[in-house]
Amino acid sequence: MSDNAEERREAWSAIAIFLLLTTALSSVFHYAIVNLMPTSFYVGPLMWSPAIAAMLTLLIQRRKISSLPWQWGKWRYNVGAFLVPVLYVALAYAVIWGTGLGNFPNSETLSEWSAELGLEGYSPSTAAIVMILIVGTIGCIRAMSTIVGEEIGWRGFFIWELRKVMPFGAVALVSGLIWSAWHWPIVYTYGGGDPIIQIANFTVMITAMSVILAYFTFKSNSLWPAIMFHAAHNVYFDKIFDPLTAYGETTSLWTGEYGFMLPITASLLALVFWQKARAEGM
């Protein structure tokens, strides 16, 4: 947090401009996603709205776009950030499978994967291993093309401005709550369940993620760990663990971004990183 009054005023101005621009740009694509078909066409532009807002804010304040933390940083932070969501997603689904809230494996998914890979003559486990290796690597790289737009805005710009006027804990919580609210129109429209429960679960999960993302971003002085983290989170829960789950009557209450389990496991790891940030004087 800065002690310079002028820097703090400029930061608050940047925060206000960024949020206004993000809201204005995003509202166009939120409307399209909620009201128009096909919705998938508008998801990419929505995810790039924070990046465009950040760059416009820099231009308005006569700051260089090159001032964003573009550098790759140290490998250990990028790899660590990638592995953390894999860990809490795996833990969440292990609990779901182990307690019978959902069953493993989903035989239909294994059959589909075998057909997609041309491995019908091989064991289902072989197809699963091959698909996980491909989706868990190449799938994450593909996901980054849109994820990078979010992360340029939220972690490349927004939390750095917040850091000038708030301590680490407030940065993590405020950025998490605002980032989650940015998703709420989609959660409300397409969640498929009780919107209050789903929005609450999603908000807890996103806020927990924001603690970890802030830690890696500030520790590395780079936006790349956040991109790695975000891609791994999206791909591993949505493309790997959830498809491998056979759903029962109440399984949907626990799985995915709107269920109960991911917010619990993500929050447990967020507490670890909150303590690490405090111990390191962040």
C-alpha atoms as a PDB file:
ATOM      1  CA  MET A   1       0.000   0.000   0.000  1.00  0.00           C
ATOM      2  CA  SER A   2       1.417   3.340  -1.061  1.00  0.00           C
ATOM      3  CA  ASP A   3       2.114   6.198   1.375  1.00  0.00           C
ATOM      4  CA  ASN A   4       2.221   8.712  -1.468  1.00  0.00           C
ATOM      5  CA  ALA A   5      -1.030  10.726  -1.512  1.00  0.00           C
ATOM      6  CA  GLU A   6      -0.741  11.593  -5.205  1.00  0.00           C
ATOM      7  CA  GLU A   7      -0.136   7.970  -6.176  1.00  0.00           C
ATOM      8  CA  ARG A   8      -3.158   6.907  -4.141  1.00  0.00           C
ATOM      9  CA  ARG A   9      -5.390   9.496  -5.837  1.00  0.00           C
ATOM     10  CA  GLU A  10      -4.227   8.331  -9.255  1.00  0.00           C
ATOM     11  CA  ALA A  11      -4.846   4.728  -8.232  1.00  0.00           C
ATOM     12  CA  TRP A  12      -8.412   5.432  -7.108  1.00  0.00           C
ATOM     13  CA  SER A  13      -8.995   7.270 -10.380  1.00  0.00           C
ATOM     14  CA  ALA A  14      -7.622   4.302 -12.337  1.00  0.00           C
ATOM     15  CA  ILE A  15      -9.802   1.880 -10.378  1.00  0.00           C
ATOM     16  CA  ALA A  16     -12.930   3.925 -11.074  1.00  0.00           C
ATOM     17  CA  ILE A  17     -12.181   4.339 -14.778  1.00  0.00           C
ATOM     18  CA  PHE A  18     -11.347   0.647 -15.176  1.00  0.00           C
ATOM     19  CA  LEU A  19     -14.529  -0.528 -13.458  1.00  0.00           C
ATOM     20  CA  LEU A  20     -16.711   1.860 -15.455  1.00  0.00           C
ATOM     21  CA  LEU A  21     -15.158   0.788 -18.750  1.00  0.00           C
ATOM     22  CA  THR A  22     -15.306  -2.897 -17.842  1.00  0.00           C
ATOM     23  CA  THR A  23     -18.967  -2.575 -16.918  1.00  0.00           C
ATOM     24  CA  ALA A  24     -19.804  -0.693 -20.116  1.00  0.00           C
ATOM     25  CA  LEU A  25     -17.968  -3.102 -22.403  1.00  0.00           C
ATOM     26  CA  SER A  26     -19.069  -6.241 -20.600  1.00  0.00           C
ATOM     27  CA  SER A  27     -22.733  -5.246 -20.473  1.00  0.00           C
ATOM     28  CA  VAL A  28     -22.935  -5.464 -24.263  1.00  0.00           C
ATOM     29  CA  PHE A  29     -21.702  -9.053 -24.299  1.00  0.00           C
ATOM     30  CA  HIS A  30     -23.587 -10.026 -21.148  1.00  0.00           C
ATOM     31  CA  TYR A  31     -26.751  -8.918 -22.910  1.00  0.00           C
ATOM     32  CA  ALA A  32     -25.819 -10.928 -25.991  1.00  0.00           C
ATOM     33  CA  ILE A  33     -24.971 -14.055 -23.997  1.00  0.00           C
ATOM     34  CA  VAL A  34     -28.223 -13.868 -22.036  1.00  0.00           C
ATOM     35  CA  ASN A  35     -30.521 -12.942 -24.926  1.00  0.00           C
ATOM     36  CA  LEU A  36     -28.997 -14.011 -28.232  1.00  0.00           C
ATOM     37  CA  MET A  37     -28.091 -17.303 -29.889  1.00  0.00           C
ATOM     38  CA  PRO A  38     -25.545 -18.800 -30.280  1.00  0.00           C
ATOM     39  CA  THR A  39     -24.138 -17.553 -26.991  1.00  0.00           C
ATOM     40  CA  SER A  40     -20.679 -19.071 -27.511  1.00  0.00           C
ATOM     41  CA  PHE A  41     -19.801 -16.404 -30.074  1.00  0.00           C
ATOM     42  CA  TYR A  42     -19.941 -13.685 -27.418  1.00  0.00           C
ATOM     43  CA  VAL A  43     -17.997 -15.393 -24.621  1.00  0.00           C
ATOM     44  CA  GLY A  44     -14.579 -14.553 -26.071  1.00  0.00           C
ATOM     45  CA  PRO A  45     -15.309 -10.829 -26.459  1.00  0.00           C
ATOM     46  CA  LEU A  46     -16.728 -10.761 -22.920  1.00  0.00           C
ATOM     47  CA  MET A  47     -13.540 -12.301 -21.523  1.00  0.00           C
ATOM     48  CA  TRP A  48     -11.437  -9.728 -23.365  1.00  0.00           C
ATOM     49  CA  SER A  49     -13.464  -6.794 -22.007  1.00  0.00           C
ATOM     50  CA  PRO A  50     -11.318  -6.382 -18.839  1.00  0.00           C
ATOM     51  CA  ALA A  51      -8.138  -6.310 -20.929  1.00  0.00           C
ATOM     52  CA  ILE A  52      -9.526  -3.654 -23.254  1.00  0.00           C
ATOM     53  CA  ALA A  53     -10.758  -1.653 -20.262  1.00  0.00           C
ATOM     54  CA  ALA A  54      -7.316  -1.854 -18.637  1.00  0.00           C
ATOM     55  CA  MET A  55      -5.535  -0.678 -21.770  1.00  0.00           C
ATOM     56  CA  LEU A  56      -7.994   2.178 -22.300  1.00  0.00           C
ATOM     57  CA  THR A  57      -7.524   3.220 -18.674  1.00  0.00           C
ATOM     58  CA  LEU A  58      -3.768   3.337 -19.163  1.00  0.00           C
ATOM     59  CA  LEU A  59      -4.181   5.434 -22.307  1.00  0.00           C
ATOM     60  CA  ILE A  60      -6.570   7.824 -20.544  1.00  0.00           C
ATOM     61  CA  GLN A  61      -4.050   8.251 -17.723  1.00  0.00           C
ATOM     62  CA  ARG A  62      -1.202   8.602 -20.226  1.00  0.00           C
ATOM     63  CA  ARG A  63       0.547   5.523 -18.957  1.00  0.00           C
ATOM     64  CA  LYS A  64       2.288   2.932 -21.092  1.00  0.00           C
ATOM     65  CA  ILE A  65       0.648  -0.405 -21.846  1.00  0.00           C
ATOM     66  CA  SER A  66       4.134  -1.852 -21.542  1.00  0.00           C
ATOM     67  CA  SER A  67       3.955  -1.013 -17.823  1.00  0.00           C
ATOM     68  CA  LEU A  68       1.756  -4.064 -17.245  1.00  0.00           C
ATOM     69  CA  PRO A  69       3.604  -7.106 -15.815  1.00  0.00           C
ATOM     70  CA  TRP A  70       4.069  -8.906 -19.134  1.00  0.00           C
ATOM     71  CA  GLN A  71       7.341 -10.617 -18.192  1.00  0.00           C
ATOM     72  CA  TRP A  72       7.324 -14.405 -17.906  1.00  0.00           C
ATOM     73  CA  GLY A  73       8.826 -14.461 -14.416  1.00  0.00           C
ATOM     74  CA  LYS A  74      10.257 -17.505 -12.677  1.00  0.00           C
ATOM     75  CA  TRP A  75       9.169 -20.946 -13.790  1.00  0.00           C
ATOM     76  CA  ARG A  76       8.392 -22.131 -10.262  1.00  0.00           C
ATOM     77  CA  TYR A  77       5.585 -19.611  -9.914  1.00  0.00           C
ATOM     78  CA  ASN A  78       4.058 -20.465 -13.285  1.00  0.00           C
ATOM     79  CA  VAL A  79       4.237 -24.199 -12.632  1.00  0.00           C
ATOM     80  CA  GLY A  80       3.051 -23.810  -9.049  1.00  0.00           C
ATOM     81  CA  ALA A  81       0.092 -21.686 -10.120  1.00  0.00           C
ATOM     82  CA  PHE A  82      -0.852 -24.314 -12.705  1.00  0.00           C
ATOM     83  CA  LEU A  83      -0.729 -27.160 -10.186  1.00  0.00           C
ATOM     84  CA  VAL A  84      -2.724 -25.515  -7.376  1.00  0.00           C
ATOM     85  CA  PRO A  85      -6.135 -25.670  -9.120  1.00  0.00           C
ATOM     86  CA  VAL A  86      -5.390 -29.195 -10.308  1.00  0.00           C
ATOM     87  CA  LEU A  87      -4.898 -30.063  -6.639  1.00  0.00           C
ATOM     88  CA  TYR A  88      -8.101 -28.519  -5.263  1.00  0.00           C
ATOM     89  CA  VAL A  89     -10.203 -29.761  -8.185  1.00  0.00           C
ATOM     90  CA  ALA A  90      -8.822 -33.295  -7.773  1.00  0.00           C
ATOM     91  CA  LEU A  91      -9.432 -33.132  -4.024  1.00  0.00           C
ATOM     92  CA  ALA A  92     -13.012 -31.945  -4.513  1.00  0.00           C
ATOM     93  CA  TYR A  93     -13.899 -34.738  -6.910  1.00  0.00           C
ATOM     94  CA  ALA A  94     -12.057 -37.344  -4.854  1.00  0.00           C
ATOM     95  CA  VAL A  95     -14.333 -36.449  -1.925  1.00  0.00           C
ATOM     96  CA  ILE A  96     -17.398 -36.514  -4.189  1.00  0.00           C
ATOM     97  CA  TRP A  97     -16.496 -39.939  -5.567  1.00  0.00           C
ATOM     98  CA  GLY A  98     -15.323 -41.312  -2.247  1.00  0.00           C
ATOM     99  CA  THR A  99     -18.492 -40.340  -0.378  1.00  0.00           C
ATOM    100  CA  GLY A 100     -20.871 -41.476  -3.099  1.00  0.00           C
ATOM    101  CA  LEU A 101     -22.136 -37.985  -3.862  1.00  0.00           C
ATOM    102  CA  GLY A 102     -21.156 -38.819  -7.419  1.00  0.00           C
ATOM    103  CA  ASN A 103     -19.837 -42.000  -8.986  1.00  0.00           C
ATOM    104  CA  PHE A 104     -16.610 -42.758 -10.821  1.00  0.00           C
ATOM    105  CA  PRO A 105     -16.107 -43.408 -13.660  1.00  0.00           C
ATOM    106  CA  ASN A 106     -18.738 -42.259 -16.097  1.00  0.00           C
ATOM    107  CA  SER A 107     -18.832 -45.108 -18.617  1.00  0.00           C
ATOM    108  CA  GLU A 108     -20.528 -42.949 -21.266  1.00  0.00           C
ATOM    109  CA  THR A 109     -17.699 -40.429 -21.126  1.00  0.00           C
ATOM    110  CA  LEU A 110     -15.080 -43.178 -21.432  1.00  0.00           C
ATOM    111  CA  SER A 111     -16.884 -44.578 -24.487  1.00  0.00           C
ATOM    112  CA  GLU A 112     -17.081 -41.132 -26.068  1.00  0.00           C
ATOM    113  CA  TRP A 113     -13.399 -40.479 -25.402  1.00  0.00           C
ATOM    114  CA  SER A 114     -12.440 -43.849 -26.902  1.00  0.00           C
ATOM    115  CA  ALA A 115     -14.420 -43.027 -30.055  1.00  0.00           C
ATOM    116  CA  GLU A 116     -12.991 -39.497 -30.331  1.00  0.00           C
ATOM    117  CA  LEU A 117      -9.438 -40.817 -30.032  1.00  0.00           C
ATOM    118  CA  GLY A 118      -9.964 -43.825 -32.290  1.00  0.00           C
ATOM    119  CA  LEU A 119      -9.103 -46.160 -29.426  1.00  0.00           C
ATOM    120  CA  GLU A 120     -12.244 -48.321 -29.343  1.00  0.00           C
ATOM    121  CA  GLY A 121     -10.147 -51.480 -29.289  1.00  0.00           C
ATOM    122  CA  TYR A 122      -8.208 -50.420 -26.213  1.00  0.00           C
ATOM    123  CA  SER A 123      -9.195 -50.420 -22.561  1.00  0.00           C
ATOM    124  CA  PRO A 124     -11.270 -47.457 -21.307  1.00  0.00           C
ATOM    125  CA  SER A 125      -8.459 -46.540 -18.907  1.00  0.00           C
ATOM    126  CA  THR A 126      -6.069 -46.122 -21.836  1.00  0.00           C
ATOM    127  CA  ALA A 127      -8.437 -43.717 -23.560  1.00  0.00           C
ATOM    128  CA  ALA A 128      -8.895 -41.825 -20.292  1.00  0.00           C
ATOM    129  CA  ILE A 129      -5.143 -41.432 -19.762  1.00  0.00           C
ATOM    130  CA  VAL A 130      -4.564 -40.257 -23.339  1.00  0.00           C
ATOM    131  CA  MET A 131      -7.476 -37.799 -23.204  1.00  0.00           C
ATOM    132  CA  ILE A 132      -6.379 -36.374 -19.831  1.00  0.00           C
ATOM    133  CA  LEU A 133      -2.828 -35.878 -21.122  1.00  0.00           C
ATOM    134  CA  ILE A 134      -4.059 -34.089 -24.249  1.00  0.00           C
ATOM    135  CA  VAL A 135      -6.817 -32.004 -22.670  1.00  0.00           C
ATOM    136  CA  GLY A 136      -4.761 -31.250 -19.567  1.00  0.00           C
ATOM    137  CA  THR A 137      -1.958 -29.733 -21.664  1.00  0.00           C
ATOM    138  CA  ILE A 138      -3.056 -28.701 -25.166  1.00  0.00           C
ATOM    139  CA  GLY A 139      -6.556 -27.949 -23.877  1.00  0.00           C
ATOM    140  CA  CYS A 140      -5.125 -25.493 -21.355  1.00  0.00           C
ATOM    141  CA  ILE A 141      -3.070 -23.766 -24.032  1.00  0.00           C
ATOM    142  CA  ARG A 142      -6.176 -23.335 -26.179  1.00  0.00           C
ATOM    143  CA  ALA A 143      -8.138 -22.002 -23.206  1.00  0.00           C
ATOM    144  CA  MET A 144      -5.518 -19.317 -22.602  1.00  0.00           C
ATOM    145  CA  SER A 145      -6.502 -17.431 -25.775  1.00  0.00           C
ATOM    146  CA  THR A 146      -9.571 -16.018 -24.048  1.00  0.00           C
ATOM    147  CA  ILE A 147      -8.452 -16.366 -20.430  1.00  0.00           C
ATOM    148  CA  VAL A 148      -5.542 -14.011 -21.093  1.00  0.00           C
ATOM    149  CA  GLY A 149      -8.077 -11.232 -21.724  1.00  0.00           C
ATOM    150  CA  GLU A 150      -9.545 -11.596 -18.250  1.00  0.00           C
ATOM    151  CA  GLU A 151      -6.167 -11.842 -16.581  1.00  0.00           C
ATOM    152  CA  ILE A 152      -4.647  -8.815 -18.313  1.00  0.00           C
ATOM    153  CA  GLY A 153      -7.489  -6.824 -16.801  1.00  0.00           C
ATOM    154  CA  TRP A 154      -7.987  -8.361 -13.377  1.00  0.00           C
ATOM    155  CA  ARG A 155      -4.499  -9.509 -12.376  1.00  0.00           C
ATOM    156  CA  GLY A 156      -2.368  -7.584 -14.848  1.00  0.00           C
ATOM    157  CA  PHE A 157      -3.902  -4.221 -13.967  1.00  0.00           C
ATOM    158  CA  PHE A 158      -6.722  -4.126 -11.414  1.00  0.00           C
ATOM    159  CA  ILE A 159      -5.116  -5.750  -8.372  1.00  0.00           C
ATOM    160  CA  TRP A 160      -1.944  -3.684  -8.841  1.00  0.00           C
ATOM    161  CA  GLU A 161      -4.003  -0.503  -8.561  1.00  0.00           C
ATOM    162  CA  LEU A 162      -5.850  -1.901  -5.541  1.00  0.00           C
ATOM    163  CA  ARG A 163      -2.521  -2.734  -3.946  1.00  0.00           C
ATOM    164  CA  LYS A 164      -1.599   0.960  -3.948  1.00  0.00           C
ATOM    165  CA  VAL A 165      -4.550   1.762  -1.676  1.00  0.00           C
ATOM    166  CA  MET A 166      -5.238  -1.508   0.221  1.00  0.00           C
ATOM    167  CA  PRO A 167      -3.348  -4.220   2.120  1.00  0.00           C
ATOM    168  CA  PHE A 168      -3.045  -7.717   0.630  1.00  0.00           C
ATOM    169  CA  GLY A 169      -6.111  -9.171   2.340  1.00  0.00           C
ATOM    170  CA  ALA A 170      -8.391  -6.382   1.168  1.00  0.00           C
ATOM    171  CA  VAL A 171      -6.980  -6.606  -2.368  1.00  0.00           C
ATOM    172  CA  ALA A 172      -7.722 -10.323  -2.512  1.00  0.00           C
ATOM    173  CA  LEU A 173     -11.253 -10.017  -1.118  1.00  0.00           C
ATOM    174  CA  VAL A 174     -12.308  -6.897  -3.020  1.00  0.00           C
ATOM    175  CA  SER A 175     -10.953  -8.159  -6.334  1.00  0.00           C
ATOM    176  CA  GLY A 176     -12.575 -11.539  -5.728  1.00  0.00           C
ATOM    177  CA  LEU A 177     -15.991 -10.098  -4.969  1.00  0.00           C
ATOM    178  CA  ILE A 178     -15.905  -7.772  -7.982  1.00  0.00           C
ATOM    179  CA  TRP A 179     -14.607 -10.525 -10.277  1.00  0.00           C
ATOM    180  CA  SER A 180     -17.356 -12.881  -9.109  1.00  0.00           C
ATOM    181  CA  ALA A 181     -20.050 -10.200  -9.556  1.00  0.00           C
ATOM    182  CA  TRP A 182     -18.830  -9.740 -13.121  1.00  0.00           C
ATOM    183  CA  HIS A 183     -19.872 -13.385 -13.739  1.00  0.00           C
ATOM    184  CA  TRP A 184     -23.242 -13.237 -11.977  1.00  0.00           C
ATOM    185  CA  PRO A 185     -25.472 -12.583 -15.039  1.00  0.00           C
ATOM    186  CA  ILE A 186     -24.203 -15.801 -16.621  1.00  0.00           C
ATOM    187  CA  VAL A 187     -24.443 -17.794 -13.393  1.00  0.00           C
ATOM    188  CA  TYR A 188     -28.003 -16.580 -12.839  1.00  0.00           C
ATOM    189  CA  THR A 189     -29.088 -17.315 -16.403  1.00  0.00           C
ATOM    190  CA  TYR A 190     -27.335 -20.607 -17.091  1.00  0.00           C
ATOM    191  CA  GLY A 191     -26.711 -22.147 -13.655  1.00  0.00           C
ATOM    192  CA  GLY A 192     -29.681 -24.469 -13.973  1.00  0.00           C
ATOM    193  CA  GLY A 193     -30.364 -24.668 -10.229  1.00  0.00           C
ATOM    194  CA  ASP A 194     -31.248 -22.444  -7.302  1.00  0.00           C
ATOM    195  CA  PRO A 195     -29.660 -19.120  -8.351  1.00  0.00           C
ATOM    196  CA  ILE A 196     -29.041 -17.912  -4.787  1.00  0.00           C
ATOM    197  CA  ILE A 197     -27.189 -21.071  -3.765  1.00  0.00           C
ATOM    198  CA  GLN A 198     -25.247 -21.172  -7.009  1.00  0.00           C
ATOM    199  CA  ILE A 199     -24.231 -17.512  -6.904  1.00  0.00           C
ATOM    200  CA  ALA A 200     -23.199 -17.912  -3.243  1.00  0.00           C
ATOM    201  CA  ASN A 201     -21.080 -20.993  -4.006  1.00  0.00           C
ATOM    202  CA  PHE A 202     -19.545 -19.373  -7.051  1.00  0.00           C
ATOM    203  CA  THR A 203     -18.714 -16.187  -5.150  1.00  0.00           C
ATOM    204  CA  VAL A 204     -16.990 -18.094  -2.348  1.00  0.00           C
ATOM    205  CA  MET A 205     -14.969 -20.116  -4.865  1.00  0.00           C
ATOM    206  CA  ILE A 206     -13.952 -17.100  -6.961  1.00  0.00           C
ATOM    207  CA  THR A 207     -12.977 -15.112  -3.883  1.00  0.00           C
ATOM    208  CA  ALA A 208     -10.871 -18.022  -2.621  1.00  0.00           C
ATOM    209  CA  MET A 209      -9.220 -18.279  -6.028  1.00  0.00           C
ATOM    210  CA  SER A 210      -8.519 -14.545  -5.924  1.00  0.00           C
ATOM    211  CA  VAL A 211      -6.477 -14.911  -2.737  1.00  0.00           C
ATOM    212  CA  ILE A 212      -4.231 -17.479  -4.412  1.00  0.00           C
ATOM    213  CA  LEU A 213      -4.089 -15.529  -7.676  1.00  0.00           C
ATOM    214  CA  ALA A 214      -3.081 -12.340  -5.867  1.00  0.00           C
ATOM    215  CA  TYR A 215      -0.336 -14.205  -4.031  1.00  0.00           C
ATOM    216  CA  PHE A 216       1.175 -15.657  -7.198  1.00  0.00           C
ATOM    217  CA  THR A 217       0.811 -12.395  -9.125  1.00  0.00           C
ATOM    218  CA  PHE A 218       2.558 -10.254  -6.530  1.00  0.00           C
ATOM    219  CA  LYS A 219       5.155 -12.904  -5.741  1.00  0.00           C
ATOM    220  CA  SER A 220       6.126 -13.340  -9.402  1.00  0.00           C
ATOM    221  CA  ASN A 221       5.567  -9.733 -10.535  1.00  0.00           C
ATOM    222  CA  SER A 222       3.938 -11.307 -13.597  1.00  0.00           C
ATOM    223  CA  LEU A 223       0.444 -11.950 -14.924  1.00  0.00           C
ATOM    224  CA  TRP A 224       1.434 -15.355 -16.374  1.00  0.00           C
ATOM    225  CA  PRO A 225       0.912 -17.420 -13.214  1.00  0.00           C
ATOM    226  CA  ALA A 226      -2.684 -16.145 -13.120  1.00  0.00           C
ATOM    227  CA  ILE A 227      -3.188 -17.206 -16.733  1.00  0.00           C
ATOM    228  CA  MET A 228      -1.767 -20.661 -15.951  1.00  0.00           C
ATOM    229  CA  PHE A 229      -3.939 -20.978 -12.842  1.00  0.00           C
ATOM    230  CA  HIS A 230      -7.126 -19.842 -14.577  1.00  0.00           C
ATOM    231  CA  ALA A 231      -6.626 -22.185 -17.536  1.00  0.00           C
ATOM    232  CA  ALA A 232      -5.939 -25.196 -15.317  1.00  0.00           C
ATOM    233  CA  HIS A 233      -8.991 -24.433 -13.167  1.00  0.00           C
ATOM    234  CA  ASN A 234     -11.347 -24.167 -16.143  1.00  0.00           C
ATOM    235  CA  VAL A 235     -10.055 -27.192 -18.018  1.00  0.00           C
ATOM    236  CA  TYR A 236      -9.547 -29.667 -15.191  1.00  0.00           C
ATOM    237  CA  PHE A 237     -12.947 -29.273 -13.581  1.00  0.00           C
ATOM    238  CA  ASP A 238     -14.980 -28.794 -16.765  1.00  0.00           C
ATOM    239  CA  LYS A 239     -13.217 -31.027 -19.293  1.00  0.00           C
ATOM    240  CA  ILE A 240     -11.725 -33.788 -17.141  1.00  0.00           C
ATOM    241  CA  PHE A 241     -13.095 -34.366 -13.633  1.00  0.00           C
ATOM    242  CA  ASP A 242     -16.720 -33.414 -14.213  1.00  0.00           C
ATOM    243  CA  PRO A 243     -17.116 -35.552 -17.366  1.00  0.00           C
ATOM    244  CA  LEU A 244     -15.628 -38.501 -15.470  1.00  0.00           C
ATOM    245  CA  THR A 245     -18.359 -38.173 -12.829  1.00  0.00           C
ATOM    246  CA  ALA A 246     -21.543 -40.221 -13.117  1.00  0.00           C
ATOM    247  CA  TYR A 247     -24.363 -38.085 -11.768  1.00  0.00           C
ATOM    248  CA  GLY A 248     -26.942 -39.199  -9.253  1.00  0.00           C
ATOM    249  CA  GLU A 249     -30.006 -37.386  -7.979  1.00  0.00           C
ATOM    250  CA  THR A 250     -28.106 -34.848  -5.850  1.00  0.00           C
ATOM    251  CA  THR A 251     -24.668 -34.859  -7.508  1.00  0.00           C
ATOM    252  CA  SER A 252     -25.139 -31.482  -9.189  1.00  0.00           C
ATOM    253  CA  LEU A 253     -25.415 -29.837  -5.759  1.00  0.00           C
ATOM    254  CA  TRP A 254     -21.761 -30.696  -5.141  1.00  0.00           C
ATOM    255  CA  THR A 255     -19.974 -30.599  -8.491  1.00  0.00           C
ATOM    256  CA  GLY A 256     -18.697 -27.840 -10.733  1.00  0.00           C
ATOM    257  CA  GLU A 257     -18.300 -24.138 -10.070  1.00  0.00           C
ATOM    258  CA  TYR A 258     -21.851 -23.788  -8.719  1.00  0.00           C
ATOM    259  CA  GLY A 259     -21.775 -26.748  -6.341  1.00  0.00           C
ATOM    260  CA  PHE A 260     -20.556 -26.912  -2.746  1.00  0.00           C
ATOM    261  CA  MET A 261     -17.325 -28.891  -3.003  1.00  0.00           C
ATOM    262  CA  LEU A 262     -15.031 -26.682  -5.113  1.00  0.00           C
ATOM    263  CA  PRO A 263     -15.650 -23.637  -2.893  1.00  0.00           C
ATOM    264  CA  ILE A 264     -14.683 -25.756   0.134  1.00  0.00           C
ATOM    265  CA  THR A 265     -11.432 -27.143  -1.281  1.00  0.00           C
ATOM    266  CA  ALA A 266     -10.442 -23.846  -2.923  1.00  0.00           C
ATOM    267  CA  SER A 267     -11.060 -22.019   0.361  1.00  0.00           C
ATOM    268  CA  LEU A 268      -8.848 -24.452   2.270  1.00  0.00           C
ATOM    269  CA  LEU A 269      -5.956 -23.717  -0.057  1.00  0.00           C
ATOM    270  CA  ALA A 270      -6.759 -19.995   0.006  1.00  0.00           C
ATOM    271  CA  LEU A 271      -6.232 -20.027   3.776  1.00  0.00           C
ATOM    272  CA  VAL A 272      -2.801 -21.565   3.240  1.00  0.00           C
ATOM    273  CA  PHE A 273      -1.818 -18.851   0.781  1.00  0.00           C
ATOM    274  CA  TRP A 274      -3.324 -16.111   2.981  1.00  0.00           C
ATOM    275  CA  GLN A 275      -1.050 -17.260   5.773  1.00  0.00           C
ATOM    276  CA  LYS A 276       1.927 -17.443   3.411  1.00  0.00           C
ATOM    277  CA  ALA A 277       1.272 -13.859   2.305  1.00  0.00           C
ATOM    278  CA  ARG A 278       1.114 -12.690   5.922  1.00  0.00           C
ATOM    279  CA  ALA A 279       4.271 -14.588   6.897  1.00  0.00           C
ATOM    280  CA  GLU A 280       6.129 -13.091   3.934  1.00  0.00           C
ATOM    281  CA  GLY A 281       4.977  -9.558   4.705  1.00  0.00           C
ATOM    282  CA  MET A 282       3.110  -9.232   1.422  1.00  0.00           C
END
